[in-house]
Amino acid sequence: MRKPRANLRQMFRINGDQARAVGRRTLRNPVITAALIILAAALITLITVILTTPPELTDEARVTVRIDRAEVLAEVAASAEKQARGLGGRESLGNGEGMLFVYAEADTPSFWMKGVTFPIDIVWIRRDTVTDVTAEVPPPKPGTPDAELPRYRPPGPVDRVLEVNAGWAEEHSIQPGDPVRITR
């Protein structure tokens, strides 16, 4: 004759007192307690690293640049080749879009509008803070020789430069001292 099978629910049913007893025994075991503390610390460290690690700023990456409360989805220009081309050859930028130029060390780069056919604002950034804004930079007249193109420079060294559609900086009241945050 076969033994009757126990119902799974009955096999694993424990009451509240039994659960509390298991919990007390688990926490009294120093090895388990230490393992739980180490696991919690590792989890907190991992979350902190994920939340505070800046995004990798390489060519073709797209990042969100937040200045004060305004946001722009920006294409990154990190290489000398990509920076030299910049926005040249494009017909326009979409609303809320831009290009973020990234420099390994603070410098006073020179910008020109070669091949750019629409006006832009240039936001100069150093150490995650706006240092200046060059607003309403016009495109050059067609046929202007490269040697005659105006050059635009920041008032001091910068490590990031954001190009956006003309009027964006004024629309969002961007000014020196505004905080900048770059995220994926």
Protein backbone atom coordinates (compact mmCIF):
# COMPACT_ATOMS: atom_id res chain seq x y z
CA MET A 1 0.00 0.00 0.00
CA ARG A 2 1.24 3.47 -0.91
CA LYS A 3 1.87 6.11 1.68
CA PRO A 4 -0.29 9.17 1.16
CA ARG A 5 1.65 12.16 -0.16
CA ALA A 6 1.75 15.19 2.05
CA ASN A 7 0.23 18.30 0.61
CA LEU A 8 3.02 20.73 -0.38
CA ARG A 9 1.27 23.55 1.42
CA GLN A 10 1.20 21.51 4.60
CA MET A 11 4.87 20.53 4.23
CA PHE A 12 6.05 24.15 4.02
CA ARG A 13 3.52 25.77 6.32
CA ILE A 14 5.09 27.40 9.35
CA ASN A 15 3.49 29.68 11.84
CA GLY A 16 4.63 33.13 12.95
CA ASP A 17 6.42 31.84 16.06
CA GLN A 18 8.41 29.38 13.96
CA ALA A 19 9.39 32.11 11.48
CA ARG A 20 10.57 34.43 14.27
CA ALA A 21 12.60 31.61 15.80
CA VAL A 22 14.32 30.91 12.46
CA GLY A 23 15.08 34.64 12.09
CA ARG A 24 16.55 34.88 15.60
CA ARG A 25 18.73 31.81 15.03
CA THR A 26 19.95 33.22 11.71
CA LEU A 27 20.87 36.60 13.18
CA ARG A 28 22.59 35.01 16.19
CA ASN A 29 24.93 33.16 13.86
CA PRO A 30 27.91 35.56 13.49
CA VAL A 31 28.94 34.15 10.10
CA ILE A 32 25.51 34.75 8.59
CA THR A 33 25.25 38.19 10.21
CA ALA A 34 28.68 39.19 8.84
CA ALA A 35 27.76 37.88 5.38
CA LEU A 36 24.52 39.92 5.40
CA ILE A 37 26.39 43.07 6.43
CA ILE A 38 29.03 42.56 3.71
CA LEU A 39 26.30 41.91 1.12
CA ALA A 40 24.42 45.08 2.13
CA ALA A 41 27.64 47.16 1.98
CA ALA A 42 28.52 45.75 -1.45
CA LEU A 43 25.04 46.54 -2.75
CA ILE A 44 25.21 50.12 -1.44
CA THR A 45 28.68 50.58 -2.99
CA LEU A 46 27.51 49.23 -6.35
CA ILE A 47 24.49 51.54 -6.43
CA THR A 48 26.67 54.53 -5.48
CA VAL A 49 29.20 53.76 -8.24
CA ILE A 50 26.45 53.37 -10.84
CA LEU A 51 24.78 56.64 -9.85
CA THR A 52 27.95 58.74 -9.58
CA THR A 53 30.09 57.47 -12.46
CA PRO A 54 30.02 59.99 -15.28
CA PRO A 55 29.14 58.65 -18.70
CA GLU A 56 31.93 57.78 -21.12
CA LEU A 57 32.39 60.80 -23.35
CA THR A 58 33.56 59.41 -26.69
CA ASP A 59 32.70 60.30 -30.28
CA GLU A 60 29.17 59.44 -31.33
CA ALA A 61 28.00 58.96 -27.74
CA ARG A 62 24.75 60.74 -26.95
CA VAL A 63 24.38 62.29 -23.54
CA THR A 64 21.92 64.49 -21.72
CA VAL A 65 23.41 67.83 -20.72
CA ARG A 66 21.46 69.52 -17.97
CA ILE A 67 22.20 73.17 -17.24
CA ASP A 68 20.24 74.35 -14.24
CA ARG A 69 16.76 73.06 -15.21
CA ALA A 70 17.21 72.98 -19.00
CA GLU A 71 18.14 69.79 -20.84
CA VAL A 72 19.74 69.09 -24.20
CA LEU A 73 20.34 65.73 -25.88
CA ALA A 74 23.87 66.16 -27.20
CA GLU A 75 26.13 64.25 -29.55
CA VAL A 76 29.68 64.06 -28.17
CA ALA A 77 32.69 65.33 -30.12
CA ALA A 78 35.79 64.07 -28.31
CA SER A 79 38.32 63.43 -31.09
CA ALA A 80 40.19 66.23 -32.90
CA GLU A 81 38.63 65.09 -36.20
CA LYS A 82 35.07 65.20 -34.88
CA GLN A 83 35.71 68.54 -33.17
CA ALA A 84 37.11 70.07 -36.38
CA ARG A 85 33.99 69.02 -38.30
CA GLY A 86 31.61 70.04 -35.49
CA LEU A 87 28.18 70.99 -36.80
CA GLY A 88 29.55 71.72 -40.29
CA GLY A 89 27.57 70.12 -43.10
CA ARG A 90 24.32 69.83 -41.16
CA GLU A 91 21.16 71.58 -42.19
CA SER A 92 19.96 72.14 -38.64
CA LEU A 93 19.77 70.91 -35.07
CA GLY A 94 16.53 69.52 -33.70
CA ASN A 95 14.75 71.27 -30.87
CA GLY A 96 16.51 70.37 -27.61
CA GLU A 97 19.56 68.96 -29.39
CA GLY A 98 23.20 70.01 -29.43
CA MET A 99 26.82 68.98 -29.71
CA LEU A 100 29.10 68.63 -26.69
CA PHE A 101 32.82 69.17 -27.31
CA VAL A 102 34.96 67.40 -24.69
CA TYR A 103 38.59 68.22 -23.84
CA ALA A 104 40.88 66.07 -21.69
CA GLU A 105 42.38 69.18 -20.11
CA ALA A 106 41.10 72.73 -19.76
CA ASP A 107 42.05 74.85 -22.76
CA THR A 108 40.94 77.97 -24.65
CA PRO A 109 39.79 76.41 -27.93
CA SER A 110 38.96 78.49 -30.98
CA PHE A 111 35.63 77.84 -32.73
CA TRP A 112 34.52 78.86 -36.19
CA MET A 113 31.35 78.35 -38.19
CA LYS A 114 32.87 76.62 -41.22
CA GLY A 115 30.12 74.73 -43.06
CA VAL A 116 27.45 75.68 -40.50
CA THR A 117 24.33 77.12 -42.13
CA PHE A 118 22.27 78.10 -39.07
CA PRO A 119 22.91 80.37 -36.05
CA ILE A 120 23.94 78.82 -32.72
CA ASP A 121 24.64 79.64 -29.09
CA ILE A 122 27.97 78.49 -27.65
CA VAL A 123 27.98 77.59 -23.95
CA TRP A 124 31.47 77.51 -22.41
CA ILE A 125 31.85 75.08 -19.47
CA ARG A 126 34.58 74.39 -16.93
CA ARG A 127 34.40 71.93 -14.05
CA ASP A 128 30.66 71.39 -14.52
CA THR A 129 29.87 75.11 -14.38
CA VAL A 130 28.92 77.54 -17.16
CA THR A 131 31.68 80.14 -17.51
CA ASP A 132 30.19 82.17 -20.37
CA VAL A 133 27.69 82.12 -23.24
CA THR A 134 28.34 83.41 -26.76
CA ALA A 135 24.80 83.92 -28.04
CA GLU A 136 23.37 84.17 -31.54
CA VAL A 137 26.54 83.26 -33.45
CA PRO A 138 25.58 83.76 -37.12
CA PRO A 139 26.52 81.41 -39.94
CA PRO A 140 29.09 82.81 -42.36
CA LYS A 141 28.03 84.26 -45.66
CA PRO A 142 28.31 81.66 -48.44
CA GLY A 143 31.71 81.73 -50.10
CA THR A 144 33.56 83.29 -47.15
CA PRO A 145 37.20 82.10 -47.29
CA ASP A 146 38.33 80.07 -44.27
CA ALA A 147 40.95 82.71 -43.39
CA GLU A 148 38.18 85.31 -43.04
CA LEU A 149 35.85 83.27 -40.85
CA PRO A 150 35.43 84.84 -37.39
CA ARG A 151 36.88 82.86 -34.48
CA TYR A 152 35.06 82.51 -31.15
CA ARG A 153 36.95 81.83 -27.91
CA PRO A 154 35.95 81.45 -24.27
CA PRO A 155 37.07 84.12 -21.78
CA GLY A 156 39.22 81.50 -20.01
CA PRO A 157 40.11 77.80 -20.10
CA VAL A 158 37.21 75.34 -20.53
CA ASP A 159 36.91 71.56 -20.59
CA ARG A 160 33.51 71.32 -22.29
CA VAL A 161 31.71 73.38 -24.92
CA LEU A 162 28.05 72.97 -25.80
CA GLU A 163 26.67 74.18 -29.15
CA VAL A 164 22.89 74.58 -29.35
CA ASN A 165 20.36 76.36 -31.54
CA ALA A 166 20.52 80.15 -31.35
CA GLY A 167 18.20 81.53 -28.71
CA TRP A 168 18.30 78.42 -26.51
CA ALA A 169 20.54 80.01 -23.87
CA GLU A 170 18.34 83.09 -23.58
CA GLU A 171 15.12 81.04 -23.60
CA HIS A 172 16.42 79.02 -20.64
CA SER A 173 18.18 81.94 -18.88
CA ILE A 174 21.58 80.21 -19.08
CA GLN A 175 24.27 82.31 -17.46
CA PRO A 176 27.76 82.03 -15.95
CA GLY A 177 27.73 80.10 -12.69
CA ASP A 178 24.91 77.74 -13.69
CA PRO A 179 25.62 74.10 -12.74
CA VAL A 180 26.09 71.53 -15.52
CA ARG A 181 25.34 67.82 -15.21
CA ILE A 182 26.07 65.26 -17.93
CA THR A 183 24.32 61.88 -17.89
CA ARG A 184 23.55 59.01 -20.27
